[in-house]
Amino acid sequence: MRDISMILKNVWKSLFLFSAISVIAVSTVNAQDAAAGRTLFKAKCTSCHALDAKMIGPALTGVSDRHPEDFLLKWIPNSGALIASGDPAAVKLFNENGKIAMTAFPELDEAKVKDILAYIKEGEPKPKAGAEGAAAPKDDTTSGLSIAGIVAIVLVAIVILVILGRASKLLERLILQKQGIEIEEDVPLKVGVRKMFKNKKFVMFFILCLIIALGSWGWMGMWNTGVHTGYQPVQPIKFSHELHAGINQIDCQYCHSGAFKSKNASIPSLNVCMNCHKAVQARTEDGQVSPEIKKIYNALGYDPETQKYDKSKEKPMEWVRVHNLPDFAYFNHSQHVVVAEDAIRKAKGLQPTEPVCFACHGPVNTMEEIYQYSPLTMKWCINCHKETDISGQKNNAFYAKVIEAHEKIKKGEKITPALLGGLECGKCHY
């Protein structure tokens, strides 16, 4: 009997361990499925759907409660085929959503669809407060208490030095008095100052120092007039270059397309913003659209619920210009970022992955809000033109034409302004 009871106990232990391991394994698989489903959802579904907001298609939270799994496994990969088959639920869903055909995804097999449904059911994972690796809030402000402490220490040090000096002088007087040595009375401070300013040599030296100091101060003030390095005005929308160009790695040309084909880099219209932000709404925990993204909607008269524009509510976005050259200075963006791209990269030591824009505008992918990185003075431009080596330019049509023109000059052939780019619009119109 003892042997049988021992065997039964061992069996129960084995079953308990097996069930525990099974639960852990299932939960792990579910977590992996939800993670994989999130990746698939972001790649395939976000252009038309969001979890908690209606876009082109309906909000998907609770979709597994509204429709059976068998239906969704057929609907998601190829809704068109299901509608064509006359399935009543498919036809009803198609009609309820404005008869907009859903893109077919034949590459999504049953397992991948289940991954997506697992993610929709679980929702967007929320970062745990205080979790390891969580980004700490930035604090770029200088502590006023620290500055006050440093000033207080300096003042205390000066007071201590004055007290020690007075004490030393007092002790010296007492020692001399005990030794019977007569001590001259201290000359009052006012009398001493008057005597100094009656000395012509001292007065001339003082005036000379004053002229040098004021002249240096005036020269530096005039030299820095119009130089706005570090200028960072408050913009109507807190647009983060660090988020867009850095974290999301959006190419500069996507927004500033003019830099590669014209004189001006151009400020992107809000329609360019809507290419992404019609879907990306950065909603808060209570389901509200991000306040900054809402400013875009308000300027365009766009209603995210109905997804319609009201032209009567449109108003321009009043961006504040950051980089501003004088009117008499002609600067062509395309000449620099296209024609001289390789030379500038080499001169400024830019990495292949860094856009040539960094040469003048600095590391914009690290700027929370854009500011003027370079001085943009004539001296700064001239130094760049002196240091940049363009002799190694290869496969560059612009420099090929220059070399061709020089060869013709050597041979005594006819050279026209048109050959040297004289027909370019920007030569006269800018």
Protein backbone atom coordinates (compact mmCIF):
# COMPACT_ATOMS: atom_id res chain seq x y z
CA MET A 1 0.00 0.00 0.00
CA ARG A 2 2.85 2.39 0.86
CA ASP A 3 4.40 1.79 -2.57
CA ILE A 4 1.09 2.52 -4.32
CA SER A 5 0.56 5.74 -2.33
CA MET A 6 4.11 6.89 -3.18
CA ILE A 7 3.49 6.21 -6.86
CA LEU A 8 0.22 8.18 -6.77
CA LYS A 9 1.95 11.12 -5.05
CA ASN A 10 4.66 11.15 -7.71
CA VAL A 11 2.04 11.04 -10.48
CA TRP A 12 0.15 13.99 -8.95
CA LYS A 13 3.41 15.96 -8.63
CA SER A 14 4.26 15.25 -12.26
CA LEU A 15 0.79 16.34 -13.40
CA PHE A 16 1.03 19.53 -11.33
CA LEU A 17 4.45 20.40 -12.79
CA PHE A 18 3.29 19.59 -16.30
CA SER A 19 0.21 21.83 -15.96
CA ALA A 20 2.28 24.67 -14.50
CA ILE A 21 4.80 24.43 -17.33
CA SER A 22 1.96 24.33 -19.85
CA VAL A 23 0.41 27.50 -18.42
CA ILE A 24 3.74 29.30 -18.55
CA ALA A 25 4.39 28.12 -22.09
CA VAL A 26 0.93 29.17 -23.27
CA SER A 27 1.25 32.62 -21.71
CA THR A 28 4.68 33.03 -23.32
CA VAL A 29 3.35 32.03 -26.72
CA ASN A 30 0.42 34.44 -26.34
CA ALA A 31 2.83 37.26 -25.47
CA GLN A 32 4.96 36.45 -28.48
CA ASP A 33 1.83 36.27 -30.68
CA ALA A 34 0.67 39.70 -29.46
CA ALA A 35 4.14 41.18 -30.08
CA ALA A 36 4.27 39.71 -33.58
CA GLY A 37 0.71 40.87 -34.18
CA ARG A 38 1.67 44.42 -33.19
CA THR A 39 4.43 44.44 -35.82
CA LEU A 40 2.03 43.12 -38.48
CA PHE A 41 -0.68 45.59 -37.44
CA LYS A 42 1.71 48.55 -37.72
CA ALA A 43 2.88 47.40 -41.16
CA LYS A 44 -0.45 46.37 -42.69
CA CYS A 45 -3.34 48.02 -40.88
CA THR A 46 -2.45 51.49 -39.54
CA SER A 47 -3.08 53.28 -42.86
CA CYS A 48 -6.81 52.60 -42.46
CA HIS A 49 -7.42 51.45 -38.88
CA ALA A 50 -6.69 52.46 -35.28
CA LEU A 51 -7.48 50.58 -32.11
CA ASP A 52 -9.64 53.20 -30.39
CA ALA A 53 -10.58 55.65 -33.15
CA LYS A 54 -12.50 55.49 -36.41
CA MET A 55 -10.42 56.27 -39.46
CA ILE A 56 -11.09 55.04 -43.00
CA GLY A 57 -12.16 51.82 -41.34
CA PRO A 58 -13.84 51.32 -37.95
CA ALA A 59 -12.03 51.20 -34.59
CA LEU A 60 -10.82 47.65 -34.03
CA THR A 61 -10.96 47.34 -30.25
CA GLY A 62 -13.49 44.62 -29.46
CA VAL A 63 -13.61 43.30 -33.03
CA SER A 64 -13.32 39.72 -31.73
CA ASP A 65 -16.47 40.29 -29.67
CA ARG A 66 -18.40 41.71 -32.64
CA HIS A 67 -17.45 38.99 -35.14
CA PRO A 68 -16.64 35.28 -34.77
CA GLU A 69 -13.04 34.22 -35.27
CA ASP A 70 -13.86 32.03 -38.28
CA PHE A 71 -15.30 35.06 -40.06
CA LEU A 72 -12.27 37.27 -39.27
CA LEU A 73 -9.83 34.59 -40.45
CA LYS A 74 -11.48 34.79 -43.88
CA TRP A 75 -12.28 38.53 -43.91
CA ILE A 76 -8.84 39.97 -43.08
CA PRO A 77 -6.77 38.18 -45.78
CA ASN A 78 -9.30 38.70 -48.58
CA SER A 79 -12.49 40.59 -47.77
CA GLY A 80 -13.29 41.05 -51.47
CA ALA A 81 -13.59 37.32 -52.07
CA LEU A 82 -15.83 36.92 -49.02
CA ILE A 83 -18.12 39.73 -50.23
CA ALA A 84 -18.23 38.28 -53.74
CA SER A 85 -19.28 34.91 -52.30
CA GLY A 86 -22.43 36.62 -50.94
CA ASP A 87 -21.66 36.05 -47.26
CA PRO A 88 -24.40 38.08 -45.44
CA ALA A 89 -22.10 39.28 -42.61
CA ALA A 90 -19.44 40.34 -45.12
CA VAL A 91 -21.92 42.22 -47.33
CA LYS A 92 -23.43 43.96 -44.29
CA LEU A 93 -20.00 45.03 -42.98
CA PHE A 94 -19.03 46.30 -46.45
CA ASN A 95 -22.21 48.40 -46.72
CA GLU A 96 -21.91 49.79 -43.17
CA ASN A 97 -18.45 51.20 -43.93
CA GLY A 98 -19.30 53.19 -47.04
CA LYS A 99 -18.64 50.32 -49.46
CA ILE A 100 -14.90 50.96 -49.25
CA ALA A 101 -12.98 47.90 -50.39
CA MET A 102 -10.43 46.61 -47.90
CA THR A 103 -6.97 45.81 -49.21
CA ALA A 104 -6.32 42.11 -49.69
CA PHE A 105 -3.44 40.54 -47.77
CA PRO A 106 -2.87 37.10 -49.27
CA GLU A 107 0.45 36.87 -47.44
CA LEU A 108 -1.37 36.71 -44.08
CA ASP A 109 -1.97 33.10 -43.18
CA GLU A 110 -4.18 31.91 -40.34
CA ALA A 111 -1.39 32.10 -37.74
CA LYS A 112 -0.53 35.71 -38.64
CA VAL A 113 -4.18 36.78 -38.53
CA LYS A 114 -4.48 35.25 -35.06
CA ASP A 115 -1.37 37.20 -34.03
CA ILE A 116 -3.03 40.44 -35.16
CA LEU A 117 -6.26 39.57 -33.32
CA ALA A 118 -4.24 38.77 -30.18
CA TYR A 119 -2.62 42.23 -30.35
CA ILE A 120 -5.99 43.95 -30.91
CA LYS A 121 -7.45 42.13 -27.91
CA GLU A 122 -4.46 42.89 -25.67
CA GLY A 123 -4.08 46.50 -26.82
CA GLU A 124 -1.03 48.72 -26.97
CA PRO A 125 1.46 47.76 -24.23
CA LYS A 126 1.90 50.45 -21.62
CA PRO A 127 5.39 51.15 -20.22
CA LYS A 128 5.70 50.39 -16.52
CA ALA A 129 6.47 53.34 -14.30
CA GLY A 130 10.06 53.21 -13.15
CA ALA A 131 10.86 50.23 -15.36
CA GLU A 132 14.48 49.59 -16.14
CA GLY A 133 15.47 51.26 -19.38
CA ALA A 134 12.57 53.71 -19.30
CA ALA A 135 13.55 57.09 -20.61
CA ALA A 136 14.10 59.59 -17.85
CA PRO A 137 12.65 63.05 -18.31
CA LYS A 138 15.20 65.54 -19.55
CA ASP A 139 16.14 68.43 -17.32
CA ASP A 140 18.20 70.96 -19.26
CA THR A 141 17.47 73.86 -16.91
CA THR A 142 20.24 75.22 -14.74
CA SER A 143 19.45 75.14 -11.03
CA GLY A 144 18.96 78.64 -9.68
CA LEU A 145 19.80 77.34 -6.21
CA SER A 146 23.23 76.17 -7.44
CA ILE A 147 24.02 79.59 -8.93
CA ALA A 148 22.88 81.33 -5.74
CA GLY A 149 25.06 78.96 -3.71
CA ILE A 150 28.16 79.75 -5.80
CA VAL A 151 27.54 83.51 -5.51
CA ALA A 152 27.06 83.17 -1.74
CA ILE A 153 30.33 81.21 -1.39
CA VAL A 154 32.23 83.91 -3.32
CA LEU A 155 30.74 86.69 -1.18
CA VAL A 156 31.50 84.82 2.05
CA ALA A 157 35.08 84.25 0.86
CA ILE A 158 35.51 87.99 0.15
CA VAL A 159 34.09 88.91 3.58
CA ILE A 160 36.45 86.40 5.28
CA LEU A 161 39.46 87.80 3.40
CA VAL A 162 38.54 91.36 4.41
CA ILE A 163 38.08 90.34 8.04
CA LEU A 164 41.37 88.43 8.09
CA GLY A 165 43.15 91.41 6.52
CA ARG A 166 41.74 93.79 9.11
CA ALA A 167 42.60 91.38 11.94
CA SER A 168 46.15 90.98 10.63
CA LYS A 169 46.61 94.72 10.42
CA LEU A 170 45.20 95.19 13.92
CA LEU A 171 47.58 92.59 15.37
CA GLU A 172 50.49 94.23 13.59
CA ARG A 173 49.58 97.61 15.12
CA LEU A 174 49.33 96.09 18.62
CA ILE A 175 52.75 94.45 18.28
CA LEU A 176 54.33 97.70 17.09
CA GLN A 177 52.70 99.63 19.96
CA LYS A 178 54.13 97.19 22.54
CA GLN A 179 57.56 97.64 20.97
CA GLY A 180 57.19 101.44 21.37
CA ILE A 181 57.24 102.11 17.65
CA GLU A 182 55.17 105.08 16.53
CA ILE A 183 52.44 104.23 14.00
CA GLU A 184 51.32 106.65 11.31
CA GLU A 185 47.64 107.24 11.20
CA ASP A 186 45.82 105.67 8.21
CA VAL A 187 45.09 108.06 5.40
CA PRO A 188 41.31 108.29 4.89
CA LEU A 189 40.08 106.57 1.75
CA LYS A 190 38.55 109.73 0.28
CA VAL A 191 41.81 111.64 0.69
CA GLY A 192 43.75 108.84 -0.99
CA VAL A 193 41.39 108.72 -3.96
CA ARG A 194 41.60 112.48 -4.40
CA LYS A 195 45.39 112.35 -4.42
CA MET A 196 45.36 109.60 -7.09
CA PHE A 197 43.10 111.60 -9.42
CA LYS A 198 45.30 114.66 -9.03
CA ASN A 199 48.18 112.62 -10.46
CA LYS A 200 48.24 113.33 -14.23
CA LYS A 201 49.97 110.05 -15.11
CA PHE A 202 47.36 108.02 -13.25
CA VAL A 203 44.52 109.99 -14.88
CA MET A 204 45.97 109.37 -18.37
CA PHE A 205 46.40 105.67 -17.62
CA PHE A 206 42.82 105.41 -16.32
CA ILE A 207 41.40 107.21 -19.39
CA LEU A 208 43.44 104.98 -21.72
CA CYS A 209 42.11 101.81 -20.00
CA LEU A 210 38.56 103.17 -20.18
CA ILE A 211 38.89 103.89 -23.93
CA ILE A 212 40.27 100.39 -24.61
CA ALA A 213 37.48 98.72 -22.60
CA LEU A 214 34.67 100.76 -24.20
CA GLY A 215 36.20 100.37 -27.67
CA SER A 216 36.44 96.58 -27.27
CA TRP A 217 32.89 96.37 -25.99
CA GLY A 218 31.58 98.49 -28.90
CA TRP A 219 33.60 96.54 -31.48
CA MET A 220 32.30 93.19 -30.22
CA GLY A 221 28.76 94.54 -30.13
CA MET A 222 28.94 95.74 -33.75
CA TRP A 223 30.73 92.55 -34.88
CA ASN A 224 27.90 90.37 -33.52
CA THR A 225 25.10 92.55 -34.89
CA GLY A 226 22.80 90.39 -37.00
CA VAL A 227 24.43 87.13 -35.82
CA HIS A 228 21.71 84.91 -34.39
CA THR A 229 23.55 81.72 -33.44
CA GLY A 230 21.37 79.78 -31.02
CA TYR A 231 18.21 81.68 -32.02
CA GLN A 232 15.21 79.50 -31.10
CA PRO A 233 11.85 81.26 -31.38
CA VAL A 234 8.62 79.83 -29.98
CA GLN A 235 6.72 78.12 -32.81
CA PRO A 236 2.92 77.71 -33.09
CA ILE A 237 3.40 73.91 -32.95
CA LYS A 238 6.05 72.18 -30.85
CA PHE A 239 7.42 70.20 -33.78
CA SER A 240 10.20 67.87 -32.63
CA HIS A 241 12.98 67.25 -35.16
CA GLU A 242 14.45 64.78 -32.66
CA LEU A 243 11.30 62.65 -32.90
CA HIS A 244 10.74 62.90 -36.66
CA ALA A 245 14.29 63.05 -38.10
CA GLY A 246 16.00 61.19 -35.26
CA ILE A 247 13.81 58.49 -33.74
CA ASN A 248 11.54 57.94 -36.77
CA GLN A 249 14.41 58.62 -39.24
CA ILE A 250 12.26 60.55 -41.71
CA ASP A 251 14.43 61.86 -44.54
CA CYS A 252 14.87 65.66 -44.62
CA GLN A 253 13.80 65.69 -48.27
CA TYR A 254 10.37 64.28 -47.42
CA CYS A 255 9.37 67.58 -45.78
CA HIS A 256 11.92 70.02 -47.27
CA SER A 257 11.83 68.80 -50.87
CA GLY A 258 12.75 72.24 -52.23
CA ALA A 259 16.30 71.98 -50.89
CA PHE A 260 17.17 69.40 -53.55
CA LYS A 261 15.71 71.18 -56.58
CA SER A 262 15.53 74.93 -55.92
CA LYS A 263 17.03 77.86 -54.09
CA ASN A 264 14.72 77.56 -51.11
CA ALA A 265 14.41 74.56 -48.79
CA SER A 266 10.69 75.42 -48.40
CA ILE A 267 8.49 75.06 -45.34
CA PRO A 268 6.28 71.98 -45.78
CA SER A 269 2.54 72.54 -46.03
CA LEU A 270 0.26 70.97 -43.45
CA ASN A 271 -0.96 68.57 -46.13
CA VAL A 272 2.46 66.90 -45.89
CA CYS A 273 1.92 66.53 -42.13
CA MET A 274 -1.46 64.93 -42.79
CA ASN A 275 0.14 62.17 -44.86
CA CYS A 276 1.11 60.65 -41.52
CA HIS A 277 -1.01 62.39 -38.92
CA LYS A 278 -4.31 61.41 -40.44
CA ALA A 279 -3.46 58.02 -38.94
CA VAL A 280 -0.88 58.91 -36.26
CA GLN A 281 -2.82 60.84 -33.63
CA ALA A 282 -0.83 60.13 -30.44
CA ARG A 283 -4.03 59.91 -28.41
CA THR A 284 -3.91 60.44 -24.66
CA GLU A 285 -5.12 57.91 -22.10
CA ASP A 286 -8.62 59.40 -22.19
CA GLY A 287 -8.78 58.97 -25.99
CA GLN A 288 -8.15 62.62 -26.94
CA VAL A 289 -6.01 63.55 -29.95
CA SER A 290 -2.62 65.01 -29.00
CA PRO A 291 -2.94 68.81 -28.47
CA GLU A 292 -0.11 69.53 -30.93
CA ILE A 293 -1.62 67.31 -33.66
CA LYS A 294 -5.01 68.90 -32.95
CA LYS A 295 -3.47 72.27 -33.94
CA ILE A 296 -2.84 70.82 -37.41
CA TYR A 297 -6.45 69.65 -37.62
CA ASN A 298 -7.75 73.05 -36.50
CA ALA A 299 -5.64 74.89 -39.08
CA LEU A 300 -6.97 72.65 -41.87
CA GLY A 301 -10.54 72.53 -40.58
CA TYR A 302 -10.27 68.75 -40.30
CA ASP A 303 -12.59 66.67 -38.14
CA PRO A 304 -10.87 63.37 -37.14
CA GLU A 305 -14.22 61.78 -36.27
CA THR A 306 -15.91 62.38 -39.62
CA GLN A 307 -12.59 62.61 -41.52
CA LYS A 308 -13.87 65.59 -43.49
CA TYR A 309 -12.43 69.06 -44.15
CA ASP A 310 -14.32 72.31 -43.61
CA LYS A 311 -12.70 74.99 -45.79
CA SER A 312 -14.50 77.76 -43.93
CA LYS A 313 -12.45 76.91 -40.83
CA GLU A 314 -9.07 76.88 -42.57
CA LYS A 315 -6.41 79.28 -41.30
CA PRO A 316 -2.69 79.57 -42.08
CA MET A 317 -0.06 78.22 -39.71
CA GLU A 318 2.16 81.18 -38.77
CA TRP A 319 5.60 79.59 -38.46
CA VAL A 320 8.42 81.83 -37.18
CA ARG A 321 11.44 81.87 -39.48
CA VAL A 322 14.66 80.67 -37.82
CA HIS A 323 17.38 80.88 -40.53
CA ASN A 324 17.22 84.28 -42.22
CA LEU A 325 19.93 85.60 -44.55
CA PRO A 326 20.08 89.28 -45.57
CA ASP A 327 18.14 90.19 -48.72
CA PHE A 328 21.35 90.98 -50.60
CA ALA A 329 22.79 87.49 -49.97
CA TYR A 330 21.98 84.84 -52.58
CA PHE A 331 22.13 81.25 -51.35
CA ASN A 332 21.04 78.30 -53.48
CA HIS A 333 20.24 75.12 -51.54
CA SER A 334 20.35 72.76 -54.53
CA GLN A 335 23.80 74.07 -55.55
CA HIS A 336 25.14 72.93 -52.19
CA VAL A 337 23.18 69.78 -51.29
CA VAL A 338 23.22 68.31 -54.82
CA VAL A 339 26.16 69.71 -56.80
CA ALA A 340 28.63 70.01 -53.91
CA GLU A 341 27.27 67.21 -51.71
CA ASP A 342 30.35 64.96 -51.82
CA ALA A 343 32.78 67.84 -51.28
CA ILE A 344 30.81 69.23 -48.33
CA ARG A 345 30.52 65.79 -46.75
CA LYS A 346 34.29 65.36 -46.94
CA ALA A 347 35.03 68.87 -45.65
CA LYS A 348 32.65 68.61 -42.69
CA GLY A 349 33.43 64.97 -41.86
CA LEU A 350 29.84 63.78 -42.21
CA GLN A 351 29.03 60.08 -42.01
CA PRO A 352 27.34 58.37 -45.01
CA THR A 353 24.13 57.99 -42.96
CA GLU A 354 24.02 61.70 -42.07
CA PRO A 355 22.27 64.10 -44.48
CA VAL A 356 24.38 66.86 -45.99
CA CYS A 357 21.97 69.34 -44.31
CA PHE A 358 23.89 68.77 -41.05
CA ALA A 359 26.85 70.75 -42.47
CA CYS A 360 25.00 74.05 -41.94
CA HIS A 361 21.99 73.23 -39.78
CA GLY A 362 23.82 71.02 -37.27
CA PRO A 363 22.54 67.71 -35.84
CA VAL A 364 18.84 68.45 -36.29
CA ASN A 365 18.06 64.82 -35.42
CA THR A 366 18.93 65.66 -31.80
CA MET A 367 17.04 68.98 -31.60
CA GLU A 368 13.74 68.86 -29.72
CA GLU A 369 12.95 72.24 -31.30
CA ILE A 370 14.98 73.67 -34.17
CA TYR A 371 17.44 76.50 -33.55
CA GLN A 372 20.13 78.27 -35.58
CA TYR A 373 23.24 76.13 -35.24
CA SER A 374 25.75 78.02 -37.43
CA PRO A 375 26.47 81.79 -37.44
CA LEU A 376 25.69 82.11 -41.20
CA THR A 377 28.00 85.13 -41.46
CA MET A 378 29.99 86.13 -44.55
CA LYS A 379 33.23 85.09 -42.82
CA TRP A 380 31.77 81.66 -42.03
CA CYS A 381 30.72 81.13 -45.67
CA ILE A 382 34.05 82.36 -47.07
CA ASN A 383 36.04 80.07 -44.76
CA CYS A 384 33.95 77.11 -45.97
CA HIS A 385 34.60 78.08 -49.60
CA LYS A 386 38.33 78.31 -48.88
CA GLU A 387 38.56 74.93 -47.12
CA THR A 388 36.22 72.75 -49.22
CA ASP A 389 38.06 70.73 -51.88
CA ILE A 390 36.05 70.27 -55.07
CA SER A 391 38.86 68.85 -57.18
CA GLY A 392 37.89 65.25 -56.40
CA GLN A 393 34.33 65.54 -57.70
CA LYS A 394 33.47 62.56 -59.94
CA ASN A 395 30.39 61.85 -62.02
CA ASN A 396 29.17 65.38 -61.40
CA ALA A 397 27.56 67.00 -64.45
CA PHE A 398 28.09 70.55 -63.13
CA TYR A 399 31.87 70.25 -62.77
CA ALA A 400 32.07 68.23 -66.00
CA LYS A 401 30.65 71.26 -67.84
CA VAL A 402 33.14 73.59 -66.14
CA ILE A 403 36.05 71.36 -67.20
CA GLU A 404 34.61 71.15 -70.73
CA ALA A 405 34.42 74.95 -70.88
CA HIS A 406 38.04 75.30 -69.75
CA GLU A 407 39.20 72.86 -72.40
CA LYS A 408 37.39 74.89 -75.07
CA ILE A 409 38.99 78.11 -73.80
CA LYS A 410 42.43 76.48 -74.13
CA LYS A 411 41.64 75.55 -77.74
CA GLY A 412 40.35 79.05 -78.53
CA GLU A 413 36.82 77.86 -79.25
CA LYS A 414 33.70 79.96 -78.74
CA ILE A 415 32.35 80.07 -75.16
CA THR A 416 28.86 81.39 -74.39
CA PRO A 417 27.20 82.18 -71.04
CA ALA A 418 24.70 79.41 -71.83
CA LEU A 419 27.51 76.86 -71.66
CA LEU A 420 28.39 78.12 -68.17
CA GLY A 421 24.85 77.87 -66.86
CA GLY A 422 23.65 81.28 -67.99
CA LEU A 423 20.24 79.91 -68.91
CA GLU A 424 19.39 78.87 -65.35
CA CYS A 425 16.42 80.83 -64.02
CA GLY A 426 18.10 81.42 -60.65
CA LYS A 427 20.89 83.45 -62.26
CA CYS A 428 18.48 86.37 -62.63
CA HIS A 429 15.27 85.50 -60.78
CA TYR A 430 15.58 84.86 -57.07
